PDB file of N, CA and C in Angstrom:
ATOM      1  N   MET A   1     107.567 -60.450 115.851  1.00  0.00           N
ATOM      2  CA  MET A   1     107.897 -59.195 115.217  1.00  0.00           C
ATOM      3  C   MET A   1     106.801 -58.772 114.240  1.00  0.00           C
ATOM      4  N   ARG A   2     106.251 -59.763 113.500  1.00  0.00           N
ATOM      5  CA  ARG A   2     105.184 -59.438 112.556  1.00  0.00           C
ATOM      6  C   ARG A   2     103.968 -58.891 113.280  1.00  0.00           C
ATOM      7  N   ARG A   3     103.654 -59.520 114.416  1.00  0.00           N
ATOM      8  CA  ARG A   3     102.487 -59.082 115.179  1.00  0.00           C
ATOM      9  C   ARG A   3     102.671 -57.648 115.672  1.00  0.00           C
ATOM     10  N   ALA A   4     103.849 -57.314 116.152  1.00  0.00           N
ATOM     11  CA  ALA A   4     104.128 -55.960 116.632  1.00  0.00           C
ATOM     12  C   ALA A   4     103.989 -54.954 115.496  1.00  0.00           C
ATOM     13  N   ALA A   5     104.470 -55.324 114.321  1.00  0.00           N
ATOM     14  CA  ALA A   5     104.348 -54.429 113.167  1.00  0.00           C
ATOM     15  C   ALA A   5     102.890 -54.243 112.773  1.00  0.00           C
ATOM     16  N   ALA A   6     102.125 -55.322 112.832  1.00  0.00           N
ATOM     17  CA  ALA A   6     100.700 -55.235 112.496  1.00  0.00           C
ATOM     18  C   ALA A   6      99.962 -54.368 113.504  1.00  0.00           C
ATOM     19  N   LEU A   7     100.288 -54.517 114.795  1.00  0.00           N
ATOM     20  CA  LEU A   7      99.661 -53.696 115.825  1.00  0.00           C
ATOM     21  C   LEU A   7     100.027 -52.223 115.659  1.00  0.00           C
ATOM     22  N   LEU A   8     101.275 -51.968 115.335  1.00  0.00           N
ATOM     23  CA  LEU A   8     101.711 -50.598 115.111  1.00  0.00           C
ATOM     24  C   LEU A   8     100.984 -49.998 113.918  1.00  0.00           C
ATOM     25  N   ALA A   9     100.859 -50.752 112.843  1.00  0.00           N
ATOM     26  CA  ALA A   9     100.154 -50.267 111.657  1.00  0.00           C
ATOM     27  C   ALA A   9      98.693 -49.984 111.968  1.00  0.00           C
ATOM     28  N   ALA A  10      98.061 -50.863 112.737  1.00  0.00           N
ATOM     29  CA  ALA A  10      96.659 -50.658 113.111  1.00  0.00           C
ATOM     30  C   ALA A  10      96.510 -49.406 113.976  1.00  0.00           C
ATOM     31  N   ALA A  11      97.440 -49.219 114.902  1.00  0.00           N
ATOM     32  CA  ALA A  11      97.390 -48.038 115.764  1.00  0.00           C
ATOM     33  C   ALA A  11      97.549 -46.760 114.949  1.00  0.00           C
ATOM     34  N   LEU A  12      98.414 -46.775 113.967  1.00  0.00           N
ATOM     35  CA  LEU A  12      98.603 -45.599 113.120  1.00  0.00           C
ATOM     36  C   LEU A  12      97.358 -45.293 112.297  1.00  0.00           C
ATOM     37  N   VAL A  13      96.678 -46.318 111.837  1.00  0.00           N
ATOM     38  CA  VAL A  13      95.433 -46.105 111.090  1.00  0.00           C
ATOM     39  C   VAL A  13      94.387 -45.467 111.992  1.00  0.00           C
ATOM     40  N   VAL A  14      94.268 -45.971 113.220  1.00  0.00           N
ATOM     41  CA  VAL A  14      93.304 -45.405 114.157  1.00  0.00           C
ATOM     42  C   VAL A  14      93.645 -43.960 114.469  1.00  0.00           C
ATOM     43  N   LEU A  15      94.908 -43.694 114.735  1.00  0.00           N
ATOM     44  CA  LEU A  15      95.323 -42.323 115.043  1.00  0.00           C
ATOM     45  C   LEU A  15      95.113 -41.397 113.864  1.00  0.00           C
ATOM     46  N   ALA A  16      95.322 -41.868 112.674  1.00  0.00           N
ATOM     47  CA  ALA A  16      95.114 -41.039 111.485  1.00  0.00           C
ATOM     48  C   ALA A  16      93.654 -40.660 111.360  1.00  0.00           C
ATOM     49  N   GLY A  17      92.762 -41.548 111.783  1.00  0.00           N
ATOM     50  CA  GLY A  17      91.336 -41.266 111.711  1.00  0.00           C
ATOM     51  C   GLY A  17      90.851 -40.360 112.814  1.00  0.00           C
ATOM     52  N   CYS A  18      91.545 -40.305 113.921  1.00  0.00           N
ATOM     53  CA  CYS A  18      91.140 -39.481 115.052  1.00  0.00           C
ATOM     54  C   CYS A  18      91.749 -38.092 114.931  1.00  0.00           C
ATOM     55  N   GLY A  19      90.878 -37.123 114.760  1.00  0.00           N
ATOM     56  CA  GLY A  19      91.353 -35.759 114.709  1.00  0.00           C
ATOM     57  C   GLY A  19      92.057 -35.405 113.424  1.00  0.00           C
ATOM     58  N   GLY A  20      92.109 -36.309 112.484  1.00  0.00           N
ATOM     59  CA  GLY A  20      92.762 -36.000 111.232  1.00  0.00           C
ATOM     60  C   GLY A  20      91.932 -35.107 110.348  1.00  0.00           C
ATOM     61  N   SER A  21      90.630 -34.993 110.639  1.00  0.00           N
ATOM     62  CA  SER A  21      89.732 -34.189 109.834  1.00  0.00           C
ATOM     63  C   SER A  21      89.268 -33.001 110.639  1.00  0.00           C
ATOM     64  N   ALA A  22      89.221 -31.845 110.004  1.00  0.00           N
ATOM     65  CA  ALA A  22      88.743 -30.645 110.670  1.00  0.00           C
ATOM     66  C   ALA A  22      87.228 -30.532 110.526  1.00  0.00           C
ATOM     67  N   GLU A  23      86.602 -31.514 109.904  1.00  0.00           N
ATOM     68  CA  GLU A  23      85.165 -31.494 109.679  1.00  0.00           C
ATOM     69  C   GLU A  23      84.424 -31.658 111.001  1.00  0.00           C
ATOM     70  N   THR A  24      83.469 -30.794 111.226  1.00  0.00           N
ATOM     71  CA  THR A  24      82.649 -30.831 112.425  1.00  0.00           C
ATOM     72  C   THR A  24      81.545 -31.863 112.244  1.00  0.00           C
ATOM     73  N   SER A  25      81.208 -32.559 113.302  1.00  0.00           N
ATOM     74  CA  SER A  25      80.132 -33.546 113.234  1.00  0.00           C
ATOM     75  C   SER A  25      78.852 -32.960 113.831  1.00  0.00           C
ATOM     76  N   PRO A  26      77.692 -33.492 113.411  1.00  0.00           N
ATOM     77  CA  PRO A  26      76.437 -33.048 114.020  1.00  0.00           C
ATOM     78  C   PRO A  26      76.427 -33.263 115.536  1.00  0.00           C
ATOM     79  N   ALA A  27      77.065 -34.312 116.008  1.00  0.00           N
ATOM     80  CA  ALA A  27      77.100 -34.588 117.446  1.00  0.00           C
ATOM     81  C   ALA A  27      77.832 -33.482 118.208  1.00  0.00           C
ATOM     82  N   GLU A  28      78.898 -32.946 117.626  1.00  0.00           N
ATOM     83  CA  GLU A  28      79.634 -31.856 118.282  1.00  0.00           C
ATOM     84  C   GLU A  28      78.778 -30.605 118.390  1.00  0.00           C
ATOM     85  N   VAL A  29      78.048 -30.304 117.321  1.00  0.00           N
ATOM     86  CA  VAL A  29      77.185 -29.124 117.315  1.00  0.00           C
ATOM     87  C   VAL A  29      76.046 -29.314 118.318  1.00  0.00           C
ATOM     88  N   LYS A  30      75.457 -30.512 118.326  1.00  0.00           N
ATOM     89  CA  LYS A  30      74.377 -30.817 119.268  1.00  0.00           C
ATOM     90  C   LYS A  30      74.852 -30.624 120.703  1.00  0.00           C
ATOM     91  N   GLU A  31      76.010 -31.157 121.011  1.00  0.00           N
ATOM     92  CA  GLU A  31      76.563 -31.039 122.368  1.00  0.00           C
ATOM     93  C   GLU A  31      76.770 -29.569 122.753  1.00  0.00           C
ATOM     94  N   ALA A  32      77.299 -28.785 121.834  1.00  0.00           N
ATOM     95  CA  ALA A  32      77.543 -27.366 122.115  1.00  0.00           C
ATOM     96  C   ALA A  32      76.229 -26.610 122.301  1.00  0.00           C
ATOM     97  N   LEU A  33      75.234 -26.918 121.469  1.00  0.00           N
ATOM     98  CA  LEU A  33      73.941 -26.244 121.597  1.00  0.00           C
ATOM     99  C   LEU A  33      73.245 -26.645 122.893  1.00  0.00           C
ATOM    100  N   GLU A  34      73.271 -27.923 123.231  1.00  0.00           N
ATOM    101  CA  GLU A  34      72.676 -28.372 124.492  1.00  0.00           C
ATOM    102  C   GLU A  34      73.338 -27.677 125.678  1.00  0.00           C
ATOM    103  N   ALA A  35      74.655 -27.564 125.649  1.00  0.00           N
ATOM    104  CA  ALA A  35      75.370 -26.891 126.741  1.00  0.00           C
ATOM    105  C   ALA A  35      74.938 -25.431 126.852  1.00  0.00           C
ATOM    106  N   ARG A  36      74.752 -24.776 125.709  1.00  0.00           N
ATOM    107  CA  ARG A  36      74.314 -23.382 125.738  1.00  0.00           C
ATOM    108  C   ARG A  36      72.909 -23.274 126.312  1.00  0.00           C
ATOM    109  N   LEU A  37      72.001 -24.155 125.897  1.00  0.00           N
ATOM    110  CA  LEU A  37      70.625 -24.107 126.390  1.00  0.00           C
ATOM    111  C   LEU A  37      70.572 -24.367 127.892  1.00  0.00           C
ATOM    112  N   VAL A  38      71.339 -25.345 128.355  1.00  0.00           N
ATOM    113  CA  VAL A  38      71.404 -25.640 129.793  1.00  0.00           C
ATOM    114  C   VAL A  38      71.997 -24.442 130.537  1.00  0.00           C
ATOM    115  N   GLY A  39      73.034 -23.844 129.962  1.00  0.00           N
ATOM    116  CA  GLY A  39      73.651 -22.670 130.576  1.00  0.00           C
ATOM    117  C   GLY A  39      72.697 -21.492 130.713  1.00  0.00           C
ATOM    118  N   LYS A  40      71.738 -21.407 129.793  1.00  0.00           N
ATOM    119  CA  LYS A  40      70.729 -20.343 129.859  1.00  0.00           C
ATOM    120  C   LYS A  40      69.502 -20.774 130.657  1.00  0.00           C
ATOM    121  N   LYS A  41      69.605 -21.965 131.271  1.00  0.00           N
ATOM    122  CA  LYS A  41      68.534 -22.525 132.103  1.00  0.00           C
ATOM    123  C   LYS A  41      67.233 -22.703 131.328  1.00  0.00           C
ATOM    124  N   LEU A  42      67.356 -23.114 130.065  1.00  0.00           N
ATOM    125  CA  LEU A  42      66.193 -23.397 129.233  1.00  0.00           C
ATOM    126  C   LEU A  42      65.873 -24.882 129.302  1.00  0.00           C
ATOM    127  N   SER A  43      64.604 -25.203 129.372  1.00  0.00           N
ATOM    128  CA  SER A  43      64.161 -26.583 129.446  1.00  0.00           C
ATOM    129  C   SER A  43      63.772 -27.068 128.048  1.00  0.00           C
ATOM    130  N   PHE A  44      64.325 -28.215 127.647  1.00  0.00           N
ATOM    131  CA  PHE A  44      64.020 -28.763 126.328  1.00  0.00           C
ATOM    132  C   PHE A  44      63.946 -30.273 126.438  1.00  0.00           C
ATOM    133  N   GLU A  45      63.260 -30.875 125.466  1.00  0.00           N
ATOM    134  CA  GLU A  45      63.113 -32.328 125.473  1.00  0.00           C
ATOM    135  C   GLU A  45      64.188 -33.015 124.663  1.00  0.00           C
ATOM    136  N   TRP A  46      64.503 -32.491 123.494  1.00  0.00           N
ATOM    137  CA  TRP A  46      65.557 -33.072 122.672  1.00  0.00           C
ATOM    138  C   TRP A  46      66.104 -32.042 121.701  1.00  0.00           C
ATOM    139  N   VAL A  47      67.308 -32.326 121.222  1.00  0.00           N
ATOM    140  CA  VAL A  47      67.971 -31.522 120.196  1.00  0.00           C
ATOM    141  C   VAL A  47      68.406 -32.483 119.107  1.00  0.00           C
ATOM    142  N   TYR A  48      68.122 -32.127 117.870  1.00  0.00           N
ATOM    143  CA  TYR A  48      68.517 -32.957 116.726  1.00  0.00           C
ATOM    144  C   TYR A  48      69.202 -32.055 115.705  1.00  0.00           C
ATOM    145  N   CYS A  49      70.461 -32.343 115.393  1.00  0.00           N
ATOM    146  CA  CYS A  49      71.225 -31.535 114.452  1.00  0.00           C
ATOM    147  C   CYS A  49      71.616 -32.358 113.230  1.00  0.00           C
ATOM    148  N   LEU A  50      71.570 -31.719 112.069  1.00  0.00           N
ATOM    149  CA  LEU A  50      72.034 -32.376 110.858  1.00  0.00           C
ATOM    150  C   LEU A  50      72.793 -31.386 109.996  1.00  0.00           C
ATOM    151  N   ARG A  51      73.727 -31.931 109.256  1.00  0.00           N
ATOM    152  CA  ARG A  51      74.580 -31.150 108.376  1.00  0.00           C
ATOM    153  C   ARG A  51      73.756 -30.662 107.183  1.00  0.00           C
ATOM    154  N   THR A  52      73.974 -29.423 106.764  1.00  0.00           N
ATOM    155  CA  THR A  52      73.346 -28.921 105.551  1.00  0.00           C
ATOM    156  C   THR A  52      74.415 -28.828 104.460  1.00  0.00           C
ATOM    157  N   ARG A  53      73.985 -28.481 103.291  1.00  0.00           N
ATOM    158  CA  ARG A  53      74.936 -28.288 102.190  1.00  0.00           C
ATOM    159  C   ARG A  53      75.434 -26.851 102.131  1.00  0.00           C
ATOM    160  N   ARG A  54      75.003 -26.050 103.052  1.00  0.00           N
ATOM    161  CA  ARG A  54      75.372 -24.636 103.076  1.00  0.00           C
ATOM    162  C   ARG A  54      76.603 -24.410 103.951  1.00  0.00           C
ATOM    163  N   SER A  55      77.205 -23.248 103.744  1.00  0.00           N
ATOM    164  CA  SER A  55      78.348 -22.895 104.585  1.00  0.00           C
ATOM    165  C   SER A  55      78.296 -21.408 104.909  1.00  0.00           C
ATOM    166  N   PHE A  56      78.998 -21.049 105.953  1.00  0.00           N
ATOM    167  CA  PHE A  56      79.111 -19.660 106.392  1.00  0.00           C
ATOM    168  C   PHE A  56      80.564 -19.435 106.767  1.00  0.00           C
ATOM    169  N   GLU A  57      81.207 -18.517 106.060  1.00  0.00           N
ATOM    170  CA  GLU A  57      82.629 -18.245 106.294  1.00  0.00           C
ATOM    171  C   GLU A  57      83.442 -19.530 106.289  1.00  0.00           C
ATOM    172  N   ASP A  58      83.216 -20.352 105.276  1.00  0.00           N
ATOM    173  CA  ASP A  58      83.926 -21.616 105.064  1.00  0.00           C
ATOM    174  C   ASP A  58      83.689 -22.653 106.156  1.00  0.00           C
ATOM    175  N   ARG A  59      82.632 -22.527 106.904  1.00  0.00           N
ATOM    176  CA  ARG A  59      82.278 -23.497 107.922  1.00  0.00           C
ATOM    177  C   ARG A  59      80.924 -24.104 107.576  1.00  0.00           C
ATOM    178  N   THR A  60      80.800 -25.410 107.774  1.00  0.00           N
ATOM    179  CA  THR A  60      79.543 -26.099 107.494  1.00  0.00           C
ATOM    180  C   THR A  60      78.454 -25.605 108.429  1.00  0.00           C
ATOM    181  N   ILE A  61      77.286 -25.320 107.859  1.00  0.00           N
ATOM    182  CA  ILE A  61      76.130 -24.919 108.662  1.00  0.00           C
ATOM    183  C   ILE A  61      75.332 -26.166 109.015  1.00  0.00           C
ATOM    184  N   PHE A  62      74.909 -26.238 110.267  1.00  0.00           N
ATOM    185  CA  PHE A  62      74.075 -27.321 110.751  1.00  0.00           C
ATOM    186  C   PHE A  62      72.709 -26.767 111.115  1.00  0.00           C
ATOM    187  N   ARG A  63      71.681 -27.525 110.780  1.00  0.00           N
ATOM    188  CA  ARG A  63      70.323 -27.165 111.193  1.00  0.00           C
ATOM    189  C   ARG A  63      70.023 -27.995 112.429  1.00  0.00           C
ATOM    190  N   CYS A  64      69.687 -27.311 113.517  1.00  0.00           N
ATOM    191  CA  CYS A  64      69.356 -27.997 114.754  1.00  0.00           C
ATOM    192  C   CYS A  64      67.919 -27.670 115.127  1.00  0.00           C
ATOM    193  N   ASN A  65      67.151 -28.709 115.356  1.00  0.00           N
ATOM    194  CA  ASN A  65      65.774 -28.564 115.805  1.00  0.00           C
ATOM    195  C   ASN A  65      65.757 -28.843 117.299  1.00  0.00           C
ATOM    196  N   VAL A  66      65.189 -27.921 118.047  1.00  0.00           N
ATOM    197  CA  VAL A  66      65.111 -28.060 119.499  1.00  0.00           C
ATOM    198  C   VAL A  66      63.641 -28.129 119.885  1.00  0.00           C
ATOM    199  N   ASN A  67      63.263 -29.210 120.572  1.00  0.00           N
ATOM    200  CA  ASN A  67      61.893 -29.375 121.027  1.00  0.00           C
ATOM    201  C   ASN A  67      61.802 -28.858 122.456  1.00  0.00           C
ATOM    202  N   PHE A  68      61.109 -27.735 122.600  1.00  0.00           N
ATOM    203  CA  PHE A  68      60.918 -27.148 123.916  1.00  0.00           C
ATOM    204  C   PHE A  68      59.643 -27.670 124.576  1.00  0.00           C
ATOM    205  N   GLY A  69      58.995 -28.664 123.946  1.00  0.00           N
ATOM    206  CA  GLY A  69      57.833 -29.319 124.525  1.00  0.00           C
ATOM    207  C   GLY A  69      56.517 -28.812 123.974  1.00  0.00           C
ATOM    208  N   ASP A  70      55.535 -29.657 123.982  1.00  0.00           N
ATOM    209  CA  ASP A  70      54.123 -29.404 123.724  1.00  0.00           C
ATOM    210  C   ASP A  70      53.689 -29.459 122.270  1.00  0.00           C
ATOM    211  N   PRO A  71      54.195 -29.875 121.216  1.00  0.00           N
ATOM    212  CA  PRO A  71      55.590 -29.660 120.819  1.00  0.00           C
ATOM    213  C   PRO A  71      55.798 -28.222 120.339  1.00  0.00           C
ATOM    214  N   HIS A  72      56.866 -27.684 120.733  1.00  0.00           N
ATOM    215  CA  HIS A  72      57.285 -26.343 120.316  1.00  0.00           C
ATOM    216  C   HIS A  72      58.718 -26.482 119.815  1.00  0.00           C
ATOM    217  N   ILE A  73      58.873 -26.614 118.514  1.00  0.00           N
ATOM    218  CA  ILE A  73      60.184 -26.855 117.923  1.00  0.00           C
ATOM    219  C   ILE A  73      60.739 -25.555 117.363  1.00  0.00           C
ATOM    220  N   VAL A  74      61.952 -25.233 117.789  1.00  0.00           N
ATOM    221  CA  VAL A  74      62.643 -24.028 117.324  1.00  0.00           C
ATOM    222  C   VAL A  74      63.847 -24.474 116.514  1.00  0.00           C
ATOM    223  N   ILE A  75      64.042 -23.830 115.385  1.00  0.00           N
ATOM    224  CA  ILE A  75      65.165 -24.148 114.503  1.00  0.00           C
ATOM    225  C   ILE A  75      66.313 -23.193 114.787  1.00  0.00           C
ATOM    226  N   TYR A  76      67.488 -23.775 114.980  1.00  0.00           N
ATOM    227  CA  TYR A  76      68.715 -22.997 115.104  1.00  0.00           C
ATOM    228  C   TYR A  76      69.622 -23.399 113.948  1.00  0.00           C
ATOM    229  N   CYS A  77      70.191 -22.424 113.273  1.00  0.00           N
ATOM    230  CA  CYS A  77      71.218 -22.677 112.272  1.00  0.00           C
ATOM    231  C   CYS A  77      72.534 -22.377 112.979  1.00  0.00           C
ATOM    232  N   ALA A  78      73.478 -23.306 112.916  1.00  0.00           N
ATOM    233  CA  ALA A  78      74.666 -23.161 113.754  1.00  0.00           C
ATOM    234  C   ALA A  78      75.936 -23.607 113.054  1.00  0.00           C
ATOM    235  N   VAL A  79      77.034 -23.003 113.463  1.00  0.00           N
ATOM    236  CA  VAL A  79      78.373 -23.425 113.045  1.00  0.00           C
ATOM    237  C   VAL A  79      79.243 -23.461 114.299  1.00  0.00           C
ATOM    238  N   LEU A  80      80.299 -24.246 114.236  1.00  0.00           N
ATOM    239  CA  LEU A  80      81.311 -24.198 115.287  1.00  0.00           C
ATOM    240  C   LEU A  80      82.464 -23.378 114.739  1.00  0.00           C
ATOM    241  N   ASP A  81      82.788 -22.306 115.427  1.00  0.00           N
ATOM    242  CA  ASP A  81      83.843 -21.400 115.005  1.00  0.00           C
ATOM    243  C   ASP A  81      84.912 -21.368 116.082  1.00  0.00           C
ATOM    244  N   GLU A  82      86.086 -21.897 115.753  1.00  0.00           N
ATOM    245  CA  GLU A  82      87.172 -21.961 116.729  1.00  0.00           C
ATOM    246  C   GLU A  82      86.710 -22.689 117.986  1.00  0.00           C
ATOM    247  N   GLY A  83      85.891 -23.716 117.786  1.00  0.00           N
ATOM    248  CA  GLY A  83      85.421 -24.508 118.903  1.00  0.00           C
ATOM    249  C   GLY A  83      84.207 -23.941 119.607  1.00  0.00           C
ATOM    250  N   GLY A  84      83.828 -22.704 119.288  1.00  0.00           N
ATOM    251  CA  GLY A  84      82.672 -22.089 119.933  1.00  0.00           C
ATOM    252  C   GLY A  84      81.456 -22.117 119.024  1.00  0.00           C
ATOM    253  N   LEU A  85      80.296 -22.238 119.623  1.00  0.00           N
ATOM    254  CA  LEU A  85      79.047 -22.290 118.883  1.00  0.00           C
ATOM    255  C   LEU A  85      78.609 -20.887 118.485  1.00  0.00           C
ATOM    256  N   VAL A  86      78.241 -20.731 117.221  1.00  0.00           N
ATOM    257  CA  VAL A  86      77.677 -19.485 116.725  1.00  0.00           C
ATOM    258  C   VAL A  86      76.382 -19.855 116.021  1.00  0.00           C
ATOM    259  N   THR A  87      75.276 -19.225 116.416  1.00  0.00           N
ATOM    260  CA  THR A  87      73.988 -19.530 115.806  1.00  0.00           C
ATOM    261  C   THR A  87      73.465 -18.335 115.026  1.00  0.00           C
ATOM    262  N   ASN A  88      72.366 -18.586 114.325  1.00  0.00           N
ATOM    263  CA  ASN A  88      71.727 -17.513 113.571  1.00  0.00           C
ATOM    264  C   ASN A  88      71.136 -16.456 114.496  1.00  0.00           C
ATOM    265  N   ARG A  89      71.041 -16.739 115.787  1.00  0.00           N
ATOM    266  CA  ARG A  89      70.556 -15.726 116.729  1.00  0.00           C
ATOM    267  C   ARG A  89      71.629 -14.640 116.932  1.00  0.00           C
ATOM    268  N   GLN A  90      72.920 -15.047 116.896  1.00  0.00           N
ATOM    269  CA  GLN A  90      73.998 -14.066 117.027  1.00  0.00           C
ATOM    270  C   GLN A  90      74.380 -13.484 115.668  1.00  0.00           C
ATOM    271  N   ARG A  91      74.369 -14.311 114.654  1.00  0.00           N
ATOM    272  CA  ARG A  91      74.784 -13.918 113.306  1.00  0.00           C
ATOM    273  C   ARG A  91      73.664 -14.262 112.328  1.00  0.00           C
ATOM    274  N   PRO A  92      72.746 -13.351 112.052  1.00  0.00           N
ATOM    275  CA  PRO A  92      71.611 -13.637 111.174  1.00  0.00           C
ATOM    276  C   PRO A  92      72.001 -14.111 109.769  1.00  0.00           C
ATOM    277  N   GLY A  93      73.241 -13.900 109.367  1.00  0.00           N
ATOM    278  CA  GLY A  93      73.701 -14.358 108.059  1.00  0.00           C
ATOM    279  C   GLY A  93      73.856 -15.869 107.966  1.00  0.00           C
ATOM    280  N   ILE A  94      73.799 -16.553 109.095  1.00  0.00           N
ATOM    281  CA  ILE A  94      73.888 -18.017 109.102  1.00  0.00           C
ATOM    282  C   ILE A  94      72.492 -18.544 108.793  1.00  0.00           C
ATOM    283  N   ARG A  95      72.327 -19.070 107.587  1.00  0.00           N
ATOM    284  CA  ARG A  95      71.025 -19.586 107.155  1.00  0.00           C
ATOM    285  C   ARG A  95      71.176 -21.040 106.758  1.00  0.00           C
ATOM    286  N   CYS A  96      70.293 -21.875 107.281  1.00  0.00           N
ATOM    287  CA  CYS A  96      70.435 -23.305 107.011  1.00  0.00           C
ATOM    288  C   CYS A  96      69.441 -23.840 105.998  1.00  0.00           C
ATOM    289  N   GLY A  97      68.428 -23.098 105.634  1.00  0.00           N
ATOM    290  CA  GLY A  97      67.475 -23.565 104.640  1.00  0.00           C
ATOM    291  C   GLY A  97      66.570 -24.642 105.208  1.00  0.00           C
ATOM    292  N   ARG A  98      65.740 -25.195 104.354  1.00  0.00           N
ATOM    293  CA  ARG A  98      64.784 -26.230 104.764  1.00  0.00           C
ATOM    294  C   ARG A  98      65.316 -27.607 104.423  1.00  0.00           C
ATOM    295  N   THR A  99      65.067 -28.561 105.309  1.00  0.00           N
ATOM    296  CA  THR A  99      65.464 -29.933 105.039  1.00  0.00           C
ATOM    297  C   THR A  99      64.288 -30.891 105.059  1.00  0.00           C
ATOM    298  N   GLY A 100      63.158 -30.446 105.604  1.00  0.00           N
ATOM    299  CA  GLY A 100      61.998 -31.309 105.685  1.00  0.00           C
ATOM    300  C   GLY A 100      61.994 -32.260 106.868  1.00  0.00           C
ATOM    301  N   ARG A 101      63.014 -32.245 107.705  1.00  0.00           N
ATOM    302  CA  ARG A 101      63.084 -33.136 108.870  1.00  0.00           C
ATOM    303  C   ARG A 101      63.048 -32.300 110.134  1.00  0.00           C
ATOM    304  N   THR A 102      62.161 -32.643 111.056  1.00  0.00           N
ATOM    305  CA  THR A 102      62.108 -31.909 112.309  1.00  0.00           C
ATOM    306  C   THR A 102      62.341 -32.796 113.514  1.00  0.00           C
ATOM    307  N   ALA A 103      61.923 -34.047 113.451  1.00  0.00           N
ATOM    308  CA  ALA A 103      62.038 -34.923 114.618  1.00  0.00           C
ATOM    309  C   ALA A 103      63.223 -35.857 114.483  1.00  0.00           C
ATOM    310  N   PRO A 104      63.787 -36.237 115.608  1.00  0.00           N
ATOM    311  CA  PRO A 104      64.895 -37.200 115.531  1.00  0.00           C
ATOM    312  C   PRO A 104      64.387 -38.539 115.040  1.00  0.00           C
ATOM    313  N   PRO A 105      65.261 -39.297 114.378  1.00  0.00           N
ATOM    314  CA  PRO A 105      64.842 -40.595 113.858  1.00  0.00           C
ATOM    315  C   PRO A 105      64.539 -41.589 114.971  1.00  0.00           C
TER     316      PRO A 105
END
């Protein structure tokens, strides 16, 4: 009985951690941006996204660096809004500022 209670408690802790936060991760933004670039048939080598301290309409802004090769790095400032990606290309008010990092670690 103790073991079952411990397993149940552990499962509840895991479930509380999954989806319990509305905070967007850099990985989610990266995935959405990569999908958009592939959908537009753009060729790129890598995408690297990081969280900034800025926000747009109460959503965290992410700075994403996209290497289109040779190297040609383009900066996208992005938020996830209702699950959809919105970048500074659609909404120029989304500004991510400078972070000093361009290449993935």
